[in-house]
């Protein structure tokens, strides 16, 4: 049986959030809802993966929730997964 870890790590928001006027609202221990002008509502999430690694996910919320990007962090630390999730959001939604 897989053991799920619940770790609350406060993410460090990227500098470009201010430039794009993106607001981040916590919606759970490891998820943030992101909203900004001319951007669809999304959530970025982190979750423990295999072998102590962490995954970052971007979920688009307009309509049926849909995972639009995901990846495994290079370093086995939750903050690394947050950075990955924000980068996936920037590439998938903001660009």
PDB file of N, CA and C in Angstrom:
ATOM      1  N   UNK A   1       0.836  -1.177   0.000  1.00  0.00           N
ATOM      2  CA  UNK A   1       0.000   0.000   0.000  1.00  0.00           C
ATOM      3  C   UNK A   1       0.883   1.243   0.000  1.00  0.00           C
ATOM      4  N   UNK A   2       0.583   2.168  -0.885  1.00  0.00           N
ATOM      5  CA  UNK A   2       1.380   3.386  -1.009  1.00  0.00           C
ATOM      6  C   UNK A   2       1.043   4.361   0.114  1.00  0.00           C
ATOM      7  N   UNK A   3       2.069   4.901   0.727  1.00  0.00           N
ATOM      8  CA  UNK A   3       1.875   5.870   1.797  1.00  0.00           C
ATOM      9  C   UNK A   3       1.900   7.276   1.213  1.00  0.00           C
ATOM     10  N   UNK A   4       0.885   8.055   1.459  1.00  0.00           N
ATOM     11  CA  UNK A   4       0.796   9.424   0.963  1.00  0.00           C
ATOM     12  C   UNK A   4       1.318  10.365   2.037  1.00  0.00           C
ATOM     13  N   UNK A   5       2.215  11.218   1.647  1.00  0.00           N
ATOM     14  CA  UNK A   5       2.755  12.201   2.571  1.00  0.00           C
ATOM     15  C   UNK A   5       1.955  13.482   2.467  1.00  0.00           C
ATOM     16  N   UNK A   6       1.716  14.099   3.577  1.00  0.00           N
ATOM     17  CA  UNK A   6       1.064  15.393   3.597  1.00  0.00           C
ATOM     18  C   UNK A   6       2.050  16.390   4.183  1.00  0.00           C
ATOM     19  N   UNK A   7       2.642  17.160   3.314  1.00  0.00           N
ATOM     20  CA  UNK A   7       3.653  18.113   3.737  1.00  0.00           C
ATOM     21  C   UNK A   7       3.206  19.485   3.287  1.00  0.00           C
ATOM     22  N   UNK A   8       3.112  20.401   4.216  1.00  0.00           N
ATOM     23  CA  UNK A   8       2.723  21.749   3.866  1.00  0.00           C
ATOM     24  C   UNK A   8       3.986  22.589   3.736  1.00  0.00           C
ATOM     25  N   UNK A   9       4.321  22.920   2.504  1.00  0.00           N
ATOM     26  CA  UNK A   9       5.486  23.732   2.213  1.00  0.00           C
ATOM     27  C   UNK A   9       4.988  25.023   1.576  1.00  0.00           C
ATOM     28  N   UNK A  10       5.331  26.124   2.183  1.00  0.00           N
ATOM     29  CA  UNK A  10       4.903  27.417   1.654  1.00  0.00           C
ATOM     30  C   UNK A  10       5.719  27.731   0.398  1.00  0.00           C
ATOM     31  N   UNK A  11       5.055  27.875  -0.749  1.00  0.00           N
ATOM     32  CA  UNK A  11       5.799  28.110  -1.986  1.00  0.00           C
ATOM     33  C   UNK A  11       6.347  29.539  -2.063  1.00  0.00           C
ATOM     34  N   UNK A  12       7.456  29.669  -2.766  1.00  0.00           N
ATOM     35  CA  UNK A  12       8.025  30.980  -3.057  1.00  0.00           C
ATOM     36  C   UNK A  12       7.498  31.378  -4.430  1.00  0.00           C
ATOM     37  N   UNK A  13       6.681  32.439  -4.482  1.00  0.00           N
ATOM     38  CA  UNK A  13       6.063  32.847  -5.740  1.00  0.00           C
ATOM     39  C   UNK A  13       7.093  33.502  -6.660  1.00  0.00           C
ATOM     40  N   UNK A  14       7.040  33.196  -7.953  1.00  0.00           N
ATOM     41  CA  UNK A  14       7.982  33.791  -8.907  1.00  0.00           C
ATOM     42  C   UNK A  14       7.779  35.305  -9.037  1.00  0.00           C
ATOM     43  N   UNK A  15       8.846  36.015  -9.398  1.00  0.00           N
ATOM     44  CA  UNK A  15       8.792  37.465  -9.528  1.00  0.00           C
ATOM     45  C   UNK A  15       7.806  37.901 -10.606  1.00  0.00           C
ATOM     46  N   UNK A  16       7.609  37.097 -11.639  1.00  0.00           N
ATOM     47  CA  UNK A  16       6.746  37.491 -12.744  1.00  0.00           C
ATOM     48  C   UNK A  16       5.263  37.446 -12.394  1.00  0.00           C
ATOM     49  N   UNK A  17       4.905  36.882 -11.248  1.00  0.00           N
ATOM     50  CA  UNK A  17       3.505  36.925 -10.806  1.00  0.00           C
ATOM     51  C   UNK A  17       3.040  38.365 -10.669  1.00  0.00           C
ATOM     52  N   UNK A  18       3.859  39.218 -10.067  1.00  0.00           N
ATOM     53  CA  UNK A  18       3.498  40.637  -9.909  1.00  0.00           C
ATOM     54  C   UNK A  18       3.367  41.319 -11.253  1.00  0.00           C
ATOM     55  N   UNK A  19       4.295  41.037 -12.153  1.00  0.00           N
ATOM     56  CA  UNK A  19       4.264  41.656 -13.478  1.00  0.00           C
ATOM     57  C   UNK A  19       2.974  41.316 -14.217  1.00  0.00           C
ATOM     58  N   UNK A  20       2.504  40.094 -14.064  1.00  0.00           N
ATOM     59  CA  UNK A  20       1.282  39.642 -14.738  1.00  0.00           C
ATOM     60  C   UNK A  20       0.030  39.802 -13.879  1.00  0.00           C
ATOM     61  N   UNK A  21       0.175  40.354 -12.682  1.00  0.00           N
ATOM     62  CA  UNK A  21      -0.931  40.589 -11.737  1.00  0.00           C
ATOM     63  C   UNK A  21      -1.663  39.288 -11.397  1.00  0.00           C
ATOM     64  N   UNK A  22      -0.909  38.233 -11.217  1.00  0.00           N
ATOM     65  CA  UNK A  22      -1.482  36.924 -10.887  1.00  0.00           C
ATOM     66  C   UNK A  22      -1.657  36.821  -9.376  1.00  0.00           C
ATOM     67  N   UNK A  23      -2.850  36.435  -8.970  1.00  0.00           N
ATOM     68  CA  UNK A  23      -3.178  36.233  -7.566  1.00  0.00           C
ATOM     69  C   UNK A  23      -3.143  34.741  -7.250  1.00  0.00           C
ATOM     70  N   UNK A  24      -2.530  34.396  -6.123  1.00  0.00           N
ATOM     71  CA  UNK A  24      -2.438  32.997  -5.690  1.00  0.00           C
ATOM     72  C   UNK A  24      -3.202  32.829  -4.387  1.00  0.00           C
ATOM     73  N   UNK A  25      -4.116  31.881  -4.372  1.00  0.00           N
ATOM     74  CA  UNK A  25      -4.941  31.606  -3.191  1.00  0.00           C
ATOM     75  C   UNK A  25      -4.786  30.136  -2.803  1.00  0.00           C
ATOM     76  N   UNK A  26      -4.415  29.849  -1.544  1.00  0.00           N
ATOM     77  CA  UNK A  26      -4.300  28.448  -1.122  1.00  0.00           C
ATOM     78  C   UNK A  26      -5.655  27.741  -1.185  1.00  0.00           C
ATOM     79  N   UNK A  27      -5.652  26.512  -1.700  1.00  0.00           N
ATOM     80  CA  UNK A  27      -6.876  25.706  -1.759  1.00  0.00           C
ATOM     81  C   UNK A  27      -6.599  24.293  -1.268  1.00  0.00           C
ATOM     82  N   UNK A  28      -5.793  24.181  -0.281  1.00  0.00           N
ATOM     83  CA  UNK A  28      -5.398  22.896   0.264  1.00  0.00           C
ATOM     84  C   UNK A  28      -3.964  22.992   0.717  1.00  0.00           C
ATOM     85  N   UNK A  29      -3.470  21.904   1.264  1.00  0.00           N
ATOM     86  CA  UNK A  29      -2.103  21.927   1.782  1.00  0.00           C
ATOM     87  C   UNK A  29      -1.064  22.082   0.689  1.00  0.00           C
ATOM     88  N   UNK A  30      -1.285  21.493  -0.459  1.00  0.00           N
ATOM     89  CA  UNK A  30      -0.291  21.507  -1.525  1.00  0.00           C
ATOM     90  C   UNK A  30      -0.870  21.974  -2.853  1.00  0.00           C
ATOM     91  N   UNK A  31      -1.747  22.982  -2.813  1.00  0.00           N
ATOM     92  CA  UNK A  31      -2.352  23.495  -4.042  1.00  0.00           C
ATOM     93  C   UNK A  31      -2.619  24.988  -3.912  1.00  0.00           C
ATOM     94  N   UNK A  32      -2.468  25.684  -5.030  1.00  0.00           N
ATOM     95  CA  UNK A  32      -2.779  27.107  -5.119  1.00  0.00           C
ATOM     96  C   UNK A  32      -3.685  27.337  -6.314  1.00  0.00           C
ATOM     97  N   UNK A  33      -4.720  28.163  -6.137  1.00  0.00           N
ATOM     98  CA  UNK A  33      -5.546  28.583  -7.266  1.00  0.00           C
ATOM     99  C   UNK A  33      -4.957  29.885  -7.777  1.00  0.00           C
ATOM    100  N   UNK A  34      -4.725  29.945  -9.082  1.00  0.00           N
ATOM    101  CA  UNK A  34      -4.118  31.119  -9.699  1.00  0.00           C
ATOM    102  C   UNK A  34      -5.122  31.800 -10.614  1.00  0.00           C
ATOM    103  N   UNK A  35      -5.187  33.125 -10.479  1.00  0.00           N
ATOM    104  CA  UNK A  35      -6.069  33.920 -11.324  1.00  0.00           C
ATOM    105  C   UNK A  35      -5.334  35.182 -11.726  1.00  0.00           C
ATOM    106  N   UNK A  36      -5.524  35.581 -12.964  1.00  0.00           N
ATOM    107  CA  UNK A  36      -4.898  36.790 -13.457  1.00  0.00           C
ATOM    108  C   UNK A  36      -5.673  37.342 -14.631  1.00  0.00           C
ATOM    109  N   UNK A  37      -5.423  38.613 -14.969  1.00  0.00           N
ATOM    110  CA  UNK A  37      -6.125  39.222 -16.100  1.00  0.00           C
ATOM    111  C   UNK A  37      -5.874  38.449 -17.396  1.00  0.00           C
ATOM    112  N   UNK A  38      -6.936  38.166 -18.112  1.00  0.00           N
ATOM    113  CA  UNK A  38      -6.883  37.482 -19.404  1.00  0.00           C
ATOM    114  C   UNK A  38      -6.272  36.089 -19.341  1.00  0.00           C
ATOM    115  N   UNK A  39      -6.332  35.452 -18.177  1.00  0.00           N
ATOM    116  CA  UNK A  39      -5.827  34.091 -18.015  1.00  0.00           C
ATOM    117  C   UNK A  39      -6.947  33.199 -17.488  1.00  0.00           C
ATOM    118  N   UNK A  40      -7.011  31.946 -17.933  1.00  0.00           N
ATOM    119  CA  UNK A  40      -8.037  31.045 -17.403  1.00  0.00           C
ATOM    120  C   UNK A  40      -7.717  30.665 -15.957  1.00  0.00           C
ATOM    121  N   UNK A  41      -8.738  30.366 -15.163  1.00  0.00           N
ATOM    122  CA  UNK A  41      -8.476  29.928 -13.790  1.00  0.00           C
ATOM    123  C   UNK A  41      -7.786  28.566 -13.789  1.00  0.00           C
ATOM    124  N   UNK A  42      -6.740  28.461 -12.975  1.00  0.00           N
ATOM    125  CA  UNK A  42      -5.964  27.226 -12.900  1.00  0.00           C
ATOM    126  C   UNK A  42      -5.564  26.958 -11.461  1.00  0.00           C
ATOM    127  N   UNK A  43      -5.151  25.746 -11.210  1.00  0.00           N
ATOM    128  CA  UNK A  43      -4.520  25.383  -9.944  1.00  0.00           C
ATOM    129  C   UNK A  43      -3.155  24.808 -10.265  1.00  0.00           C
ATOM    130  N   UNK A  44      -2.181  25.124  -9.408  1.00  0.00           N
ATOM    131  CA  UNK A  44      -0.906  24.423  -9.440  1.00  0.00           C
ATOM    132  C   UNK A  44      -0.861  23.589  -8.174  1.00  0.00           C
ATOM    133  N   UNK A  45      -0.391  22.369  -8.323  1.00  0.00           N
ATOM    134  CA  UNK A  45      -0.360  21.428  -7.198  1.00  0.00           C
ATOM    135  C   UNK A  45       0.982  20.723  -7.171  1.00  0.00           C
ATOM    136  N   UNK A  46       1.352  20.277  -5.981  1.00  0.00           N
ATOM    137  CA  UNK A  46       2.492  19.378  -5.860  1.00  0.00           C
ATOM    138  C   UNK A  46       2.011  18.146  -5.111  1.00  0.00           C
ATOM    139  N   UNK A  47       2.632  17.029  -5.420  1.00  0.00           N
ATOM    140  CA  UNK A  47       2.274  15.785  -4.730  1.00  0.00           C
ATOM    141  C   UNK A  47       3.499  14.880  -4.692  1.00  0.00           C
ATOM    142  N   UNK A  48       3.595  14.069  -3.645  1.00  0.00           N
ATOM    143  CA  UNK A  48       4.730  13.147  -3.575  1.00  0.00           C
ATOM    144  C   UNK A  48       4.621  12.105  -4.676  1.00  0.00           C
ATOM    145  N   UNK A  49       5.767  11.785  -5.246  1.00  0.00           N
ATOM    146  CA  UNK A  49       5.811  10.769  -6.297  1.00  0.00           C
ATOM    147  C   UNK A  49       6.603   9.567  -5.824  1.00  0.00           C
ATOM    148  N   UNK A  50       7.183   8.879  -6.759  1.00  0.00           N
ATOM    149  CA  UNK A  50       7.949   7.674  -6.453  1.00  0.00           C
ATOM    150  C   UNK A  50       9.367   8.028  -5.987  1.00  0.00           C
ATOM    151  N   UNK A  51       9.931   7.173  -5.175  1.00  0.00           N
ATOM    152  CA  UNK A  51      11.325   7.288  -4.730  1.00  0.00           C
ATOM    153  C   UNK A  51      11.655   8.613  -4.055  1.00  0.00           C
ATOM    154  N   UNK A  52      10.705   9.213  -3.359  1.00  0.00           N
ATOM    155  CA  UNK A  52      10.955  10.457  -2.652  1.00  0.00           C
ATOM    156  C   UNK A  52      10.919  11.695  -3.521  1.00  0.00           C
ATOM    157  N   UNK A  53      10.675  11.535  -4.814  1.00  0.00           N
ATOM    158  CA  UNK A  53      10.567  12.690  -5.708  1.00  0.00           C
ATOM    159  C   UNK A  53       9.192  13.323  -5.576  1.00  0.00           C
ATOM    160  N   UNK A  54       9.077  14.550  -6.053  1.00  0.00           N
ATOM    161  CA  UNK A  54       7.823  15.291  -6.023  1.00  0.00           C
ATOM    162  C   UNK A  54       7.408  15.643  -7.437  1.00  0.00           C
ATOM    163  N   UNK A  55       6.095  15.691  -7.662  1.00  0.00           N
ATOM    164  CA  UNK A  55       5.542  16.059  -8.965  1.00  0.00           C
ATOM    165  C   UNK A  55       4.878  17.421  -8.870  1.00  0.00           C
ATOM    166  N   UNK A  56       4.952  18.164  -9.948  1.00  0.00           N
ATOM    167  CA  UNK A  56       4.221  19.415 -10.078  1.00  0.00           C
ATOM    168  C   UNK A  56       3.168  19.254 -11.156  1.00  0.00           C
ATOM    169  N   UNK A  57       1.971  19.801 -10.923  1.00  0.00           N
ATOM    170  CA  UNK A  57       0.874  19.687 -11.876  1.00  0.00           C
ATOM    171  C   UNK A  57       0.207  21.042 -12.080  1.00  0.00           C
ATOM    172  N   UNK A  58      -0.328  21.239 -13.279  1.00  0.00           N
ATOM    173  CA  UNK A  58      -1.139  22.409 -13.591  1.00  0.00           C
ATOM    174  C   UNK A  58      -2.497  21.899 -14.043  1.00  0.00           C
ATOM    175  N   UNK A  59      -3.547  22.367 -13.378  1.00  0.00           N
ATOM    176  CA  UNK A  59      -4.910  21.934 -13.683  1.00  0.00           C
ATOM    177  C   UNK A  59      -5.720  23.140 -14.130  1.00  0.00           C
ATOM    178  N   UNK A  60      -6.271  23.058 -15.323  1.00  0.00           N
ATOM    179  CA  UNK A  60      -7.127  24.131 -15.836  1.00  0.00           C
ATOM    180  C   UNK A  60      -8.535  23.912 -15.310  1.00  0.00           C
ATOM    181  N   UNK A  61      -9.161  24.989 -14.807  1.00  0.00           N
ATOM    182  CA  UNK A  61     -10.429  24.844 -14.094  1.00  0.00           C
ATOM    183  C   UNK A  61     -11.657  25.339 -14.847  1.00  0.00           C
ATOM    184  N   UNK A  62     -11.495  25.996 -15.999  1.00  0.00           N
ATOM    185  CA  UNK A  62     -12.699  26.442 -16.710  1.00  0.00           C
ATOM    186  C   UNK A  62     -13.325  25.225 -17.383  1.00  0.00           C
ATOM    187  N   UNK A  63     -14.561  24.954 -17.029  1.00  0.00           N
ATOM    188  CA  UNK A  63     -15.206  23.719 -17.494  1.00  0.00           C
ATOM    189  C   UNK A  63     -14.809  22.567 -16.585  1.00  0.00           C
ATOM    190  N   UNK A  64     -14.666  21.400 -17.163  1.00  0.00           N
ATOM    191  CA  UNK A  64     -14.242  20.206 -16.421  1.00  0.00           C
ATOM    192  C   UNK A  64     -12.758  20.331 -16.078  1.00  0.00           C
ATOM    193  N   UNK A  65     -12.352  20.155 -14.801  1.00  0.00           N
ATOM    194  CA  UNK A  65     -10.923  20.242 -14.461  1.00  0.00           C
ATOM    195  C   UNK A  65     -10.095  19.273 -15.299  1.00  0.00           C
ATOM    196  N   UNK A  66      -8.989  19.793 -15.835  1.00  0.00           N
ATOM    197  CA  UNK A  66      -8.160  19.000 -16.732  1.00  0.00           C
ATOM    198  C   UNK A  66      -6.685  19.299 -16.450  1.00  0.00           C
ATOM    199  N   UNK A  67      -5.900  18.238 -16.255  1.00  0.00           N
ATOM    200  CA  UNK A  67      -4.458  18.398 -16.083  1.00  0.00           C
ATOM    201  C   UNK A  67      -3.874  18.757 -17.444  1.00  0.00           C
ATOM    202  N   UNK A  68      -3.234  19.929 -17.523  1.00  0.00           N
ATOM    203  CA  UNK A  68      -2.675  20.365 -18.802  1.00  0.00           C
ATOM    204  C   UNK A  68      -1.153  20.253 -18.840  1.00  0.00           C
ATOM    205  N   UNK A  69      -0.532  20.085 -17.680  1.00  0.00           N
ATOM    206  CA  UNK A  69       0.925  19.913 -17.642  1.00  0.00           C
ATOM    207  C   UNK A  69       1.311  19.248 -16.332  1.00  0.00           C
ATOM    208  N   UNK A  70       2.337  18.406 -16.391  1.00  0.00           N
ATOM    209  CA  UNK A  70       2.855  17.782 -15.176  1.00  0.00           C
ATOM    210  C   UNK A  70       4.297  17.375 -15.418  1.00  0.00           C
ATOM    211  N   UNK A  71       5.013  17.212 -14.332  1.00  0.00           N
ATOM    212  CA  UNK A  71       6.399  16.781 -14.434  1.00  0.00           C
ATOM    213  C   UNK A  71       6.939  16.423 -13.066  1.00  0.00           C
ATOM    214  N   UNK A  72       8.078  15.763 -13.053  1.00  0.00           N
ATOM    215  CA  UNK A  72       8.730  15.363 -11.814  1.00  0.00           C
ATOM    216  C   UNK A  72       9.899  16.296 -11.553  1.00  0.00           C
ATOM    217  N   UNK A  73       9.972  16.794 -10.336  1.00  0.00           N
ATOM    218  CA  UNK A  73      11.044  17.708  -9.960  1.00  0.00           C
ATOM    219  C   UNK A  73      12.386  17.004  -9.971  1.00  0.00           C
ATOM    220  N   UNK A  74      13.424  17.747 -10.310  1.00  0.00           N
ATOM    221  CA  UNK A  74      14.771  17.197 -10.375  1.00  0.00           C
ATOM    222  C   UNK A  74      15.288  16.862  -8.986  1.00  0.00           C
ATOM    223  N   UNK A  75      15.066  17.760  -8.047  1.00  0.00           N
ATOM    224  CA  UNK A  75      15.518  17.554  -6.672  1.00  0.00           C
ATOM    225  C   UNK A  75      14.377  16.975  -5.837  1.00  0.00           C
ATOM    226  N   UNK A  76      14.685  16.086  -4.909  1.00  0.00           N
ATOM    227  CA  UNK A  76      13.630  15.471  -4.094  1.00  0.00           C
ATOM    228  C   UNK A  76      13.191  16.370  -2.938  1.00  0.00           C
ATOM    229  N   UNK A  77      12.704  17.561  -3.261  1.00  0.00           N
ATOM    230  CA  UNK A  77      12.265  18.510  -2.241  1.00  0.00           C
ATOM    231  C   UNK A  77      10.996  19.197  -2.735  1.00  0.00           C
ATOM    232  N   UNK A  78      10.014  19.423  -1.869  1.00  0.00           N
ATOM    233  CA  UNK A  78       8.768  20.055  -2.297  1.00  0.00           C
ATOM    234  C   UNK A  78       8.957  21.423  -2.949  1.00  0.00           C
ATOM    235  N   UNK A  79       9.908  22.223  -2.473  1.00  0.00           N
ATOM    236  CA  UNK A  79      10.101  23.556  -3.063  1.00  0.00           C
ATOM    237  C   UNK A  79      10.525  23.458  -4.528  1.00  0.00           C
ATOM    238  N   UNK A  80      11.280  22.439  -4.857  1.00  0.00           N
ATOM    239  CA  UNK A  80      11.675  22.197  -6.243  1.00  0.00           C
ATOM    240  C   UNK A  80      10.440  21.878  -7.096  1.00  0.00           C
ATOM    241  N   UNK A  81       9.508  21.139  -6.527  1.00  0.00           N
ATOM    242  CA  UNK A  81       8.264  20.815  -7.236  1.00  0.00           C
ATOM    243  C   UNK A  81       7.418  22.062  -7.445  1.00  0.00           C
ATOM    244  N   UNK A  82       7.387  22.964  -6.460  1.00  0.00           N
ATOM    245  CA  UNK A  82       6.658  24.227  -6.640  1.00  0.00           C
ATOM    246  C   UNK A  82       7.258  25.020  -7.793  1.00  0.00           C
ATOM    247  N   UNK A  83       8.573  25.118  -7.834  1.00  0.00           N
ATOM    248  CA  UNK A  83       9.233  25.856  -8.920  1.00  0.00           C
ATOM    249  C   UNK A  83       8.895  25.245 -10.272  1.00  0.00           C
ATOM    250  N   UNK A  84       8.907  23.919 -10.340  1.00  0.00           N
ATOM    251  CA  UNK A  84       8.540  23.229 -11.569  1.00  0.00           C
ATOM    252  C   UNK A  84       7.093  23.535 -11.952  1.00  0.00           C
ATOM    253  N   UNK A  85       6.176  23.463 -11.000  1.00  0.00           N
ATOM    254  CA  UNK A  85       4.760  23.717 -11.277  1.00  0.00           C
ATOM    255  C   UNK A  85       4.541  25.138 -11.798  1.00  0.00           C
ATOM    256  N   UNK A  86       5.221  26.117 -11.210  1.00  0.00           N
ATOM    257  CA  UNK A  86       5.089  27.493 -11.681  1.00  0.00           C
ATOM    258  C   UNK A  86       5.638  27.648 -13.101  1.00  0.00           C
ATOM    259  N   UNK A  87       6.735  26.982 -13.404  1.00  0.00           N
ATOM    260  CA  UNK A  87       7.308  27.044 -14.748  1.00  0.00           C
ATOM    261  C   UNK A  87       6.388  26.366 -15.766  1.00  0.00           C
ATOM    262  N   UNK A  88       5.789  25.240 -15.385  1.00  0.00           N
ATOM    263  CA  UNK A  88       4.823  24.581 -16.261  1.00  0.00           C
ATOM    264  C   UNK A  88       3.616  25.489 -16.514  1.00  0.00           C
ATOM    265  N   UNK A  89       3.167  26.178 -15.483  1.00  0.00           N
ATOM    266  CA  UNK A  89       2.051  27.126 -15.621  1.00  0.00           C
ATOM    267  C   UNK A  89       2.436  28.248 -16.586  1.00  0.00           C
ATOM    268  N   UNK A  90       3.630  28.800 -16.411  1.00  0.00           N
ATOM    269  CA  UNK A  90       4.077  29.903 -17.283  1.00  0.00           C
ATOM    270  C   UNK A  90       4.121  29.446 -18.740  1.00  0.00           C
ATOM    271  N   UNK A  91       4.664  28.262 -18.995  1.00  0.00           N
ATOM    272  CA  UNK A  91       4.794  27.775 -20.358  1.00  0.00           C
ATOM    273  C   UNK A  91       3.452  27.341 -20.967  1.00  0.00           C
ATOM    274  N   UNK A  92       2.569  26.781 -20.150  1.00  0.00           N
ATOM    275  CA  UNK A  92       1.307  26.238 -20.655  1.00  0.00           C
ATOM    276  C   UNK A  92       0.172  27.248 -20.715  1.00  0.00           C
ATOM    277  N   UNK A  93       0.209  28.256 -19.825  1.00  0.00           N
ATOM    278  CA  UNK A  93      -0.925  29.163 -19.712  1.00  0.00           C
ATOM    279  C   UNK A  93      -0.549  30.610 -20.023  1.00  0.00           C
ATOM    280  N   UNK A  94       0.538  31.090 -19.452  1.00  0.00           N
ATOM    281  CA  UNK A  94       0.872  32.510 -19.518  1.00  0.00           C
ATOM    282  C   UNK A  94       1.490  32.912 -20.847  1.00  0.00           C
ATOM    283  N   UNK A  95       2.421  32.110 -21.362  1.00  0.00           N
ATOM    284  CA  UNK A  95       3.228  32.548 -22.513  1.00  0.00           C
ATOM    285  C   UNK A  95       2.403  33.182 -23.554  1.00  0.00           C
TER     286      UNK A  95
END
